Amino acid sequence: MRLRMFLAGCVTGAAVLLSAPSAQAYAPAEPEQAYAPVEVVHTERVQAGPYGLTVGFSTWPLRAMQSLDFTFAPDGGLSGKSGTLSMTGPGMKPGMRKVSPLSRHPRERSVWGLDIRSLPTAGQWSLTFTVNGPKGEGTGTLGNVTVLEQPGPPLALSWTLCALPVFGLIAFLVVAWRRHRPSRRLAMMGI
């Protein structure tokens, strides 16, 4: 019994030591450890009234349910400008546009953008920009952005394959419980 307690203590101590964060985790981030800027692999131009916008994508071609970064860089920079973005695409009810303000990209502070966003369905999408600035308000649309089907197997197949080990574990526990029936043994012992 003492040996078991000693071994359990050793295993617990080792687990605590191995899972503890290192001193490096508390050190300030060095420039080489900072987040990498967005790598834009494809761009499109949009004219929103008097303002030109360069729309950048971190992945091309676009695929449904695949995370990517969008960047929106107005000509002349962001100073004195604000704007909104609305996206429409398949599966959205007519007239149901989600309008959101344009904000700086978290990893590319010199432009507006969306960080790690995915488009839920394949089809034709459009992005409508409204930009306010010193030259007034302008609206422009980047239409017919083709989004291909999601990569990989269908979601139903993926979820089924991922759930098989869980179902196997449950079946194993049920069989083990039925074979050993600990409640019967306790009843026979008078407990």
N, C-alpha and C. Protein backbone atom coordinates (compact mmCIF):
# COMPACT_ATOMS: atom_id res chain seq x y z
N MET A 1 0.83 -1.19 0.00
CA MET A 1 0.00 0.00 0.00
C MET A 1 0.88 1.26 0.00
N ARG A 2 1.96 1.23 0.81
CA ARG A 2 2.85 2.39 0.87
C ARG A 2 3.58 2.58 -0.46
N LEU A 3 3.92 1.47 -1.07
CA LEU A 3 4.60 1.56 -2.35
C LEU A 3 3.70 2.19 -3.41
N ARG A 4 2.43 1.83 -3.41
CA ARG A 4 1.47 2.41 -4.35
C ARG A 4 1.32 3.91 -4.11
N MET A 5 1.24 4.31 -2.86
CA MET A 5 1.11 5.73 -2.52
C MET A 5 2.37 6.49 -2.96
N PHE A 6 3.53 5.89 -2.76
CA PHE A 6 4.78 6.52 -3.16
C PHE A 6 4.83 6.68 -4.68
N LEU A 7 4.46 5.63 -5.43
CA LEU A 7 4.47 5.70 -6.89
C LEU A 7 3.46 6.72 -7.40
N ALA A 8 2.29 6.78 -6.78
CA ALA A 8 1.27 7.77 -7.19
C ALA A 8 1.80 9.19 -6.96
N GLY A 9 2.48 9.41 -5.85
CA GLY A 9 3.07 10.72 -5.56
C GLY A 9 4.15 11.08 -6.57
N CYS A 10 4.98 10.10 -6.94
CA CYS A 10 6.04 10.36 -7.94
C CYS A 10 5.43 10.71 -9.29
N VAL A 11 4.40 9.99 -9.71
CA VAL A 11 3.76 10.26 -10.99
C VAL A 11 3.11 11.65 -10.98
N THR A 12 2.44 11.99 -9.90
CA THR A 12 1.80 13.31 -9.79
C THR A 12 2.85 14.41 -9.82
N GLY A 13 3.93 14.24 -9.08
CA GLY A 13 5.00 15.25 -9.07
C GLY A 13 5.63 15.43 -10.44
N ALA A 14 5.85 14.33 -11.14
CA ALA A 14 6.42 14.41 -12.48
C ALA A 14 5.47 15.13 -13.44
N ALA A 15 4.18 14.84 -13.32
CA ALA A 15 3.19 15.51 -14.18
C ALA A 15 3.16 17.01 -13.91
N VAL A 16 3.25 17.40 -12.64
CA VAL A 16 3.24 18.82 -12.30
C VAL A 16 4.49 19.50 -12.86
N LEU A 17 5.64 18.88 -12.70
CA LEU A 17 6.88 19.47 -13.20
C LEU A 17 6.89 19.58 -14.72
N LEU A 18 6.37 18.57 -15.40
CA LEU A 18 6.39 18.60 -16.86
C LEU A 18 5.36 19.57 -17.44
N SER A 19 4.27 19.81 -16.72
CA SER A 19 3.24 20.70 -17.25
C SER A 19 3.43 22.15 -16.83
N ALA A 20 4.35 22.44 -15.94
CA ALA A 20 4.57 23.82 -15.49
C ALA A 20 5.17 24.65 -16.62
N PRO A 21 4.69 25.89 -16.81
CA PRO A 21 5.26 26.73 -17.86
C PRO A 21 6.70 27.12 -17.52
N SER A 22 7.49 27.27 -18.55
CA SER A 22 8.88 27.64 -18.34
C SER A 22 9.00 29.13 -18.05
N ALA A 23 10.15 29.55 -17.57
CA ALA A 23 10.39 30.96 -17.31
C ALA A 23 10.33 31.76 -18.60
N GLN A 24 10.57 31.11 -19.72
CA GLN A 24 10.53 31.78 -21.00
C GLN A 24 9.11 32.23 -21.35
N ALA A 25 8.11 31.55 -20.80
CA ALA A 25 6.73 31.92 -21.08
C ALA A 25 6.38 33.27 -20.47
N TYR A 26 7.09 33.68 -19.42
CA TYR A 26 6.80 34.95 -18.77
C TYR A 26 7.70 36.08 -19.26
N ALA A 27 8.64 35.79 -20.12
CA ALA A 27 9.55 36.81 -20.64
C ALA A 27 8.83 37.64 -21.70
N PRO A 28 9.17 38.92 -21.84
CA PRO A 28 8.54 39.72 -22.89
C PRO A 28 8.90 39.18 -24.28
N ALA A 29 7.99 39.35 -25.21
CA ALA A 29 8.19 38.82 -26.56
C ALA A 29 9.30 39.57 -27.27
N GLU A 30 10.17 38.82 -27.86
CA GLU A 30 11.24 39.38 -28.67
C GLU A 30 10.70 39.62 -30.07
N PRO A 31 11.31 40.53 -30.83
CA PRO A 31 10.80 40.79 -32.18
C PRO A 31 10.72 39.55 -33.05
N GLU A 32 11.63 38.63 -32.91
CA GLU A 32 11.57 37.43 -33.74
C GLU A 32 10.45 36.49 -33.30
N GLN A 33 9.91 36.69 -32.08
CA GLN A 33 8.82 35.85 -31.61
C GLN A 33 7.46 36.50 -31.84
N ALA A 34 7.43 37.73 -32.31
CA ALA A 34 6.18 38.42 -32.53
C ALA A 34 5.40 37.74 -33.66
N TYR A 35 4.11 38.04 -33.75
CA TYR A 35 3.28 37.45 -34.79
C TYR A 35 3.78 37.88 -36.17
N ALA A 36 3.77 36.95 -37.07
CA ALA A 36 4.18 37.25 -38.44
C ALA A 36 3.11 38.11 -39.11
N PRO A 37 3.51 39.06 -39.94
CA PRO A 37 2.50 39.85 -40.64
C PRO A 37 1.72 38.99 -41.61
N VAL A 38 0.61 39.51 -42.07
CA VAL A 38 -0.25 38.78 -43.00
C VAL A 38 0.46 38.66 -44.34
N GLU A 39 0.49 37.46 -44.86
CA GLU A 39 1.07 37.23 -46.18
C GLU A 39 -0.07 37.26 -47.20
N VAL A 40 -0.12 38.33 -47.98
CA VAL A 40 -1.16 38.50 -48.99
C VAL A 40 -0.71 37.82 -50.27
N VAL A 41 -1.53 36.86 -50.74
CA VAL A 41 -1.17 36.12 -51.95
C VAL A 41 -1.99 36.54 -53.16
N HIS A 42 -3.08 37.28 -52.94
CA HIS A 42 -3.92 37.73 -54.06
C HIS A 42 -4.58 39.04 -53.67
N THR A 43 -4.68 39.97 -54.62
CA THR A 43 -5.33 41.25 -54.36
C THR A 43 -6.36 41.56 -55.43
N GLU A 44 -7.34 42.34 -55.05
CA GLU A 44 -8.36 42.85 -55.96
C GLU A 44 -8.52 44.34 -55.67
N ARG A 45 -8.91 45.12 -56.68
CA ARG A 45 -9.12 46.57 -56.51
C ARG A 45 -10.61 46.87 -56.49
N VAL A 46 -11.00 47.80 -55.60
CA VAL A 46 -12.37 48.26 -55.48
C VAL A 46 -12.34 49.78 -55.45
N GLN A 47 -13.24 50.41 -56.20
CA GLN A 47 -13.36 51.86 -56.16
C GLN A 47 -14.62 52.20 -55.37
N ALA A 48 -14.43 52.80 -54.19
CA ALA A 48 -15.54 53.19 -53.32
C ALA A 48 -15.67 54.71 -53.39
N GLY A 49 -16.39 55.18 -54.38
CA GLY A 49 -16.50 56.63 -54.59
C GLY A 49 -15.14 57.20 -54.93
N PRO A 50 -14.68 58.22 -54.19
CA PRO A 50 -13.37 58.81 -54.48
C PRO A 50 -12.20 58.01 -53.89
N TYR A 51 -12.48 56.92 -53.21
CA TYR A 51 -11.43 56.16 -52.52
C TYR A 51 -11.17 54.83 -53.22
N GLY A 52 -9.93 54.56 -53.47
CA GLY A 52 -9.54 53.26 -54.00
C GLY A 52 -9.13 52.35 -52.86
N LEU A 53 -9.54 51.10 -52.92
CA LEU A 53 -9.21 50.10 -51.89
C LEU A 53 -8.52 48.91 -52.55
N THR A 54 -7.51 48.40 -51.90
CA THR A 54 -6.89 47.16 -52.32
C THR A 54 -7.30 46.09 -51.32
N VAL A 55 -8.01 45.10 -51.80
CA VAL A 55 -8.49 44.00 -50.95
C VAL A 55 -7.50 42.85 -51.11
N GLY A 56 -6.90 42.42 -50.00
CA GLY A 56 -5.92 41.34 -50.04
C GLY A 56 -6.44 40.08 -49.37
N PHE A 57 -6.05 38.94 -49.90
CA PHE A 57 -6.46 37.64 -49.36
C PHE A 57 -5.21 36.85 -49.03
N SER A 58 -5.20 36.16 -47.90
CA SER A 58 -4.04 35.37 -47.50
C SER A 58 -4.06 33.98 -48.12
N THR A 59 -5.17 33.59 -48.73
CA THR A 59 -5.30 32.29 -49.40
C THR A 59 -6.07 32.51 -50.70
N TRP A 60 -5.62 31.88 -51.75
CA TRP A 60 -6.33 31.97 -53.02
C TRP A 60 -6.16 30.67 -53.76
N PRO A 61 -7.15 30.06 -54.33
CA PRO A 61 -8.55 30.46 -54.36
C PRO A 61 -9.21 30.24 -53.01
N LEU A 62 -10.31 30.95 -52.80
CA LEU A 62 -11.04 30.86 -51.53
C LEU A 62 -11.83 29.57 -51.50
N ARG A 63 -11.89 28.99 -50.31
CA ARG A 63 -12.67 27.77 -50.11
C ARG A 63 -13.57 27.96 -48.89
N ALA A 64 -14.75 27.37 -48.94
CA ALA A 64 -15.69 27.47 -47.83
C ALA A 64 -15.10 26.83 -46.58
N MET A 65 -15.35 27.42 -45.45
CA MET A 65 -14.95 26.93 -44.13
C MET A 65 -13.44 26.81 -43.98
N GLN A 66 -12.68 27.60 -44.73
CA GLN A 66 -11.23 27.62 -44.62
C GLN A 66 -10.83 29.00 -44.09
N SER A 67 -10.11 29.03 -42.98
CA SER A 67 -9.74 30.29 -42.36
C SER A 67 -8.72 31.04 -43.21
N LEU A 68 -8.94 32.35 -43.31
CA LEU A 68 -8.01 33.20 -44.03
C LEU A 68 -8.08 34.61 -43.48
N ASP A 69 -7.13 35.43 -43.87
CA ASP A 69 -7.10 36.83 -43.48
C ASP A 69 -7.50 37.68 -44.67
N PHE A 70 -8.30 38.71 -44.39
CA PHE A 70 -8.64 39.71 -45.39
C PHE A 70 -7.96 41.00 -44.97
N THR A 71 -7.40 41.75 -45.91
CA THR A 71 -6.88 43.09 -45.63
C THR A 71 -7.53 44.07 -46.59
N PHE A 72 -7.82 45.27 -46.09
CA PHE A 72 -8.44 46.31 -46.89
C PHE A 72 -7.58 47.56 -46.73
N ALA A 73 -6.83 47.90 -47.76
CA ALA A 73 -5.90 49.03 -47.70
C ALA A 73 -6.40 50.17 -48.58
N PRO A 74 -6.88 51.27 -47.96
CA PRO A 74 -7.30 52.41 -48.78
C PRO A 74 -6.09 53.18 -49.30
N ASP A 75 -6.22 53.73 -50.50
CA ASP A 75 -5.15 54.55 -51.05
C ASP A 75 -4.95 55.76 -50.13
N GLY A 76 -3.71 56.06 -49.81
CA GLY A 76 -3.40 57.19 -48.95
C GLY A 76 -3.42 56.87 -47.47
N GLY A 77 -3.63 55.63 -47.09
CA GLY A 77 -3.60 55.23 -45.67
C GLY A 77 -4.93 55.39 -44.97
N LEU A 78 -4.93 55.09 -43.67
CA LEU A 78 -6.16 55.09 -42.87
C LEU A 78 -6.47 56.42 -42.20
N SER A 79 -5.53 57.33 -42.12
CA SER A 79 -5.74 58.54 -41.34
C SER A 79 -6.91 59.35 -41.89
N GLY A 80 -7.82 59.70 -41.00
CA GLY A 80 -8.99 60.49 -41.35
C GLY A 80 -10.09 59.72 -42.05
N LYS A 81 -9.99 58.40 -42.09
CA LYS A 81 -10.99 57.59 -42.79
C LYS A 81 -11.62 56.58 -41.83
N SER A 82 -12.86 56.28 -42.10
CA SER A 82 -13.56 55.21 -41.39
C SER A 82 -14.45 54.53 -42.41
N GLY A 83 -15.00 53.41 -42.04
CA GLY A 83 -15.86 52.73 -43.00
C GLY A 83 -16.54 51.52 -42.43
N THR A 84 -17.37 50.91 -43.26
CA THR A 84 -18.09 49.70 -42.89
C THR A 84 -17.94 48.68 -44.01
N LEU A 85 -18.16 47.44 -43.65
CA LEU A 85 -18.10 46.32 -44.60
C LEU A 85 -19.36 45.50 -44.43
N SER A 86 -19.99 45.14 -45.55
CA SER A 86 -21.09 44.18 -45.50
C SER A 86 -20.81 43.09 -46.51
N MET A 87 -21.08 41.86 -46.09
CA MET A 87 -20.81 40.70 -46.94
C MET A 87 -22.13 40.01 -47.23
N THR A 88 -22.32 39.63 -48.48
CA THR A 88 -23.49 38.85 -48.86
C THR A 88 -23.03 37.64 -49.64
N GLY A 89 -23.77 36.56 -49.49
CA GLY A 89 -23.41 35.34 -50.18
C GLY A 89 -24.52 34.33 -50.12
N PRO A 90 -24.27 33.13 -50.66
CA PRO A 90 -25.31 32.10 -50.67
C PRO A 90 -25.68 31.67 -49.25
N GLY A 91 -26.94 31.33 -49.11
CA GLY A 91 -27.41 30.88 -47.80
C GLY A 91 -27.86 32.02 -46.90
N MET A 92 -27.60 33.26 -47.31
CA MET A 92 -28.05 34.40 -46.52
C MET A 92 -29.41 34.83 -47.04
N LYS A 93 -30.31 35.19 -46.13
CA LYS A 93 -31.64 35.62 -46.53
C LYS A 93 -31.54 36.97 -47.26
N PRO A 94 -32.38 37.16 -48.27
CA PRO A 94 -32.35 38.44 -48.98
C PRO A 94 -32.60 39.60 -48.01
N GLY A 95 -31.82 40.63 -48.15
CA GLY A 95 -31.95 41.80 -47.29
C GLY A 95 -31.28 41.65 -45.94
N MET A 96 -30.70 40.50 -45.65
CA MET A 96 -30.03 40.27 -44.36
C MET A 96 -28.53 40.41 -44.52
N ARG A 97 -28.06 41.64 -44.56
CA ARG A 97 -26.62 41.90 -44.67
C ARG A 97 -26.08 42.15 -43.28
N LYS A 98 -24.95 41.60 -43.00
CA LYS A 98 -24.28 41.88 -41.74
C LYS A 98 -23.30 43.02 -41.99
N VAL A 99 -23.59 44.18 -41.43
CA VAL A 99 -22.75 45.35 -41.61
C VAL A 99 -21.89 45.49 -40.37
N SER A 100 -20.56 45.58 -40.59
CA SER A 100 -19.65 45.73 -39.45
C SER A 100 -18.67 46.85 -39.77
N PRO A 101 -18.25 47.57 -38.73
CA PRO A 101 -17.28 48.65 -38.98
C PRO A 101 -15.92 48.08 -39.36
N LEU A 102 -15.22 48.81 -40.20
CA LEU A 102 -13.87 48.40 -40.58
C LEU A 102 -12.92 48.80 -39.46
N SER A 103 -12.14 47.85 -39.00
CA SER A 103 -11.16 48.12 -37.94
C SER A 103 -9.80 47.61 -38.39
N ARG A 104 -8.78 48.06 -37.70
CA ARG A 104 -7.41 47.66 -38.07
C ARG A 104 -7.23 46.16 -37.90
N HIS A 105 -6.45 45.60 -38.80
CA HIS A 105 -6.14 44.18 -38.72
C HIS A 105 -5.22 43.98 -37.51
N PRO A 106 -5.46 42.97 -36.66
CA PRO A 106 -4.65 42.79 -35.45
C PRO A 106 -3.16 42.57 -35.71
N ARG A 107 -2.81 41.98 -36.83
CA ARG A 107 -1.39 41.70 -37.10
C ARG A 107 -0.81 42.61 -38.17
N GLU A 108 -1.62 43.40 -38.81
CA GLU A 108 -1.16 44.32 -39.86
C GLU A 108 -1.83 45.67 -39.57
N ARG A 109 -1.27 46.39 -38.63
CA ARG A 109 -1.91 47.58 -38.07
C ARG A 109 -2.03 48.75 -39.05
N SER A 110 -1.38 48.70 -40.18
CA SER A 110 -1.44 49.81 -41.13
C SER A 110 -2.64 49.73 -42.08
N VAL A 111 -3.43 48.66 -41.99
CA VAL A 111 -4.59 48.49 -42.88
C VAL A 111 -5.78 47.99 -42.07
N TRP A 112 -6.97 48.10 -42.67
CA TRP A 112 -8.14 47.47 -42.08
C TRP A 112 -8.11 45.98 -42.44
N GLY A 113 -8.85 45.17 -41.70
CA GLY A 113 -8.88 43.76 -42.08
C GLY A 113 -9.69 42.89 -41.16
N LEU A 114 -9.82 41.64 -41.56
CA LEU A 114 -10.47 40.59 -40.79
C LEU A 114 -9.45 39.51 -40.54
N ASP A 115 -9.32 39.09 -39.30
CA ASP A 115 -8.31 38.12 -38.90
C ASP A 115 -8.94 36.74 -38.75
N ILE A 116 -8.39 35.78 -39.45
CA ILE A 116 -8.78 34.37 -39.37
C ILE A 116 -10.30 34.24 -39.48
N ARG A 117 -10.82 34.56 -40.61
CA ARG A 117 -12.25 34.50 -40.90
C ARG A 117 -12.47 33.46 -41.96
N SER A 118 -13.62 32.82 -41.94
CA SER A 118 -13.95 31.85 -42.99
C SER A 118 -15.34 32.16 -43.52
N LEU A 119 -15.55 31.81 -44.76
CA LEU A 119 -16.87 31.99 -45.38
C LEU A 119 -17.59 30.64 -45.29
N PRO A 120 -18.82 30.63 -44.78
CA PRO A 120 -19.47 29.37 -44.43
C PRO A 120 -19.91 28.49 -45.59
N THR A 121 -20.23 29.09 -46.75
CA THR A 121 -20.75 28.27 -47.84
C THR A 121 -20.06 28.63 -49.15
N ALA A 122 -20.07 27.68 -50.06
CA ALA A 122 -19.49 27.91 -51.38
C ALA A 122 -20.48 28.67 -52.25
N GLY A 123 -19.95 29.39 -53.24
CA GLY A 123 -20.80 30.15 -54.16
C GLY A 123 -20.21 31.51 -54.44
N GLN A 124 -21.05 32.42 -54.93
CA GLN A 124 -20.64 33.78 -55.27
C GLN A 124 -20.89 34.71 -54.09
N TRP A 125 -19.86 35.36 -53.60
CA TRP A 125 -19.94 36.30 -52.49
C TRP A 125 -19.63 37.70 -53.00
N SER A 126 -20.13 38.69 -52.28
CA SER A 126 -19.77 40.07 -52.60
C SER A 126 -19.50 40.82 -51.31
N LEU A 127 -18.52 41.73 -51.38
CA LEU A 127 -18.12 42.55 -50.24
C LEU A 127 -18.39 44.00 -50.62
N THR A 128 -19.20 44.68 -49.82
CA THR A 128 -19.56 46.07 -50.09
C THR A 128 -18.91 46.95 -49.04
N PHE A 129 -18.16 47.95 -49.50
CA PHE A 129 -17.44 48.87 -48.62
C PHE A 129 -18.09 50.24 -48.68
N THR A 130 -18.23 50.87 -47.54
CA THR A 130 -18.62 52.27 -47.45
C THR A 130 -17.51 52.97 -46.70
N VAL A 131 -16.87 53.93 -47.37
CA VAL A 131 -15.73 54.63 -46.78
C VAL A 131 -16.09 56.10 -46.59
N ASN A 132 -15.85 56.61 -45.38
CA ASN A 132 -16.04 58.03 -45.06
C ASN A 132 -14.67 58.65 -44.86
N GLY A 133 -14.46 59.82 -45.43
CA GLY A 133 -13.18 60.48 -45.29
C GLY A 133 -13.27 61.94 -45.68
N PRO A 134 -12.11 62.57 -45.89
CA PRO A 134 -12.09 63.99 -46.21
C PRO A 134 -12.78 64.32 -47.54
N LYS A 135 -12.90 63.39 -48.44
CA LYS A 135 -13.54 63.63 -49.74
C LYS A 135 -15.01 63.23 -49.72
N GLY A 136 -15.57 62.96 -48.56
CA GLY A 136 -16.96 62.56 -48.46
C GLY A 136 -17.11 61.06 -48.30
N GLU A 137 -18.30 60.57 -48.64
CA GLU A 137 -18.61 59.15 -48.49
C GLU A 137 -18.62 58.48 -49.84
N GLY A 138 -18.10 57.26 -49.88
CA GLY A 138 -18.10 56.49 -51.12
C GLY A 138 -18.42 55.04 -50.85
N THR A 139 -19.11 54.41 -51.80
CA THR A 139 -19.48 53.00 -51.66
C THR A 139 -19.00 52.24 -52.88
N GLY A 140 -18.46 51.07 -52.65
CA GLY A 140 -18.01 50.22 -53.74
C GLY A 140 -18.19 48.76 -53.38
N THR A 141 -18.34 47.93 -54.40
CA THR A 141 -18.59 46.50 -54.17
C THR A 141 -17.59 45.66 -54.94
N LEU A 142 -17.03 44.70 -54.25
CA LEU A 142 -16.23 43.66 -54.89
C LEU A 142 -17.17 42.47 -55.04
N GLY A 143 -17.68 42.30 -56.25
CA GLY A 143 -18.69 41.27 -56.49
C GLY A 143 -18.10 40.04 -57.15
N ASN A 144 -18.90 39.00 -57.17
CA ASN A 144 -18.54 37.74 -57.82
C ASN A 144 -17.23 37.16 -57.31
N VAL A 145 -17.05 37.18 -56.01
CA VAL A 145 -15.90 36.50 -55.40
C VAL A 145 -16.31 35.03 -55.28
N THR A 146 -15.65 34.19 -56.05
CA THR A 146 -16.02 32.77 -56.08
C THR A 146 -15.38 32.04 -54.92
N VAL A 147 -16.23 31.37 -54.15
CA VAL A 147 -15.77 30.54 -53.04
C VAL A 147 -16.06 29.09 -53.41
N LEU A 148 -15.01 28.28 -53.44
CA LEU A 148 -15.14 26.87 -53.82
C LEU A 148 -15.62 26.04 -52.63
N GLU A 149 -15.94 24.77 -52.90
CA GLU A 149 -16.37 23.86 -51.83
C GLU A 149 -15.27 23.72 -50.78
N GLN A 150 -15.66 23.34 -49.58
CA GLN A 150 -14.69 23.19 -48.49
C GLN A 150 -13.69 22.09 -48.80
N PRO A 151 -12.45 22.27 -48.32
CA PRO A 151 -11.45 21.22 -48.55
C PRO A 151 -11.71 20.02 -47.65
N GLY A 152 -11.22 18.89 -48.06
CA GLY A 152 -11.32 17.69 -47.23
C GLY A 152 -12.64 16.98 -47.39
N PRO A 153 -12.85 15.97 -46.55
CA PRO A 153 -14.08 15.18 -46.64
C PRO A 153 -15.28 15.99 -46.13
N PRO A 154 -16.49 15.56 -46.44
CA PRO A 154 -17.68 16.23 -45.93
C PRO A 154 -17.71 16.22 -44.40
N LEU A 155 -18.36 17.22 -43.81
CA LEU A 155 -18.39 17.35 -42.35
C LEU A 155 -19.01 16.13 -41.67
N ALA A 156 -20.08 15.58 -42.24
CA ALA A 156 -20.74 14.42 -41.61
C ALA A 156 -19.77 13.25 -41.50
N LEU A 157 -19.00 13.00 -42.55
CA LEU A 157 -18.02 11.92 -42.51
C LEU A 157 -16.92 12.22 -41.49
N SER A 158 -16.45 13.45 -41.45
CA SER A 158 -15.40 13.82 -40.49
C SER A 158 -15.88 13.61 -39.05
N TRP A 159 -17.09 14.07 -38.74
CA TRP A 159 -17.62 13.92 -37.39
C TRP A 159 -17.82 12.46 -37.03
N THR A 160 -18.28 11.67 -37.99
CA THR A 160 -18.49 10.24 -37.73
C THR A 160 -17.17 9.56 -37.40
N LEU A 161 -16.14 9.83 -38.19
CA LEU A 161 -14.84 9.21 -37.93
C LEU A 161 -14.26 9.66 -36.59
N CYS A 162 -14.47 10.91 -36.24
CA CYS A 162 -13.94 11.42 -34.96
C CYS A 162 -14.71 10.84 -33.77
N ALA A 163 -15.97 10.50 -33.97
CA ALA A 163 -16.79 10.00 -32.86
C ALA A 163 -16.59 8.50 -32.61
N LEU A 164 -16.04 7.76 -33.57
CA LEU A 164 -15.87 6.32 -33.40
C LEU A 164 -15.06 5.95 -32.16
N PRO A 165 -13.92 6.58 -31.87
CA PRO A 165 -13.19 6.22 -30.65
C PRO A 165 -14.00 6.48 -29.37
N VAL A 166 -14.78 7.53 -29.36
CA VAL A 166 -15.59 7.82 -28.17
C VAL A 166 -16.64 6.73 -27.98
N PHE A 167 -17.31 6.34 -29.06
CA PHE A 167 -18.30 5.27 -28.96
C PHE A 167 -17.65 3.96 -28.55
N GLY A 168 -16.45 3.69 -29.05
CA GLY A 168 -15.72 2.48 -28.65
C GLY A 168 -15.39 2.49 -27.17
N LEU A 169 -14.98 3.65 -26.64
CA LEU A 169 -14.68 3.76 -25.22
C LEU A 169 -15.93 3.53 -24.37
N ILE A 170 -17.04 4.11 -24.79
CA ILE A 170 -18.29 3.92 -24.05
C ILE A 170 -18.69 2.44 -24.06
N ALA A 171 -18.58 1.79 -25.22
CA ALA A 171 -18.93 0.36 -25.29
C ALA A 171 -18.00 -0.46 -24.39
N PHE A 172 -16.71 -0.16 -24.39
CA PHE A 172 -15.77 -0.85 -23.52
C PHE A 172 -16.14 -0.69 -22.06
N LEU A 173 -16.47 0.52 -21.63
CA LEU A 173 -16.83 0.76 -20.23
C LEU A 173 -18.12 0.03 -19.85
N VAL A 174 -19.08 -0.01 -20.75
CA VAL A 174 -20.33 -0.72 -20.47
C VAL A 174 -20.06 -2.21 -20.30
N VAL A 175 -19.28 -2.81 -21.20
CA VAL A 175 -18.96 -4.23 -21.11
C VAL A 175 -18.19 -4.51 -19.82
N ALA A 176 -17.21 -3.70 -19.49
CA ALA A 176 -16.43 -3.90 -18.27
C ALA A 176 -17.32 -3.78 -17.04
N TRP A 177 -18.22 -2.81 -17.04
CA TRP A 177 -19.12 -2.62 -15.90
C TRP A 177 -20.03 -3.84 -15.73
N ARG A 178 -20.57 -4.34 -16.83
CA ARG A 178 -21.50 -5.47 -16.74
C ARG A 178 -20.79 -6.75 -16.30
N ARG A 179 -19.53 -6.92 -16.68
CA ARG A 179 -18.81 -8.14 -16.28
C ARG A 179 -18.48 -8.14 -14.80
N HIS A 180 -18.07 -6.99 -14.30
CA HIS A 180 -17.58 -6.98 -12.93
C HIS A 180 -18.63 -6.55 -11.91
N ARG A 181 -19.63 -5.85 -12.28
CA ARG A 181 -20.74 -5.43 -11.41
C ARG A 181 -20.27 -5.15 -9.98
N PRO A 182 -19.57 -4.05 -9.76
CA PRO A 182 -19.05 -3.76 -8.43
C PRO A 182 -20.16 -3.62 -7.38
N SER A 183 -21.35 -3.23 -7.79
CA SER A 183 -22.44 -3.09 -6.81
C SER A 183 -22.85 -4.44 -6.24
N ARG A 184 -22.78 -5.51 -7.03
CA ARG A 184 -23.12 -6.85 -6.52
C ARG A 184 -22.10 -7.30 -5.49
N ARG A 185 -20.83 -7.04 -5.77
CA ARG A 185 -19.79 -7.46 -4.83
C ARG A 185 -19.94 -6.73 -3.50
N LEU A 186 -20.27 -5.46 -3.56
CA LEU A 186 -20.45 -4.69 -2.33
C LEU A 186 -21.66 -5.22 -1.55
N ALA A 187 -22.73 -5.59 -2.28
CA ALA A 187 -23.90 -6.13 -1.62
C ALA A 187 -23.61 -7.47 -0.97
N MET A 188 -22.78 -8.29 -1.62
CA MET A 188 -22.44 -9.58 -1.06
C MET A 188 -21.57 -9.41 0.17
N MET A 189 -20.79 -8.34 0.22
CA MET A 189 -19.92 -8.11 1.37
C MET A 189 -20.68 -7.48 2.52
N GLY A 190 -21.89 -7.06 2.26
CA GLY A 190 -22.70 -6.47 3.31
C GLY A 190 -22.46 -4.97 3.47
N ILE A 191 -21.93 -4.35 2.46
CA ILE A 191 -21.68 -2.89 2.55
C ILE A 191 -22.76 -2.13 1.88
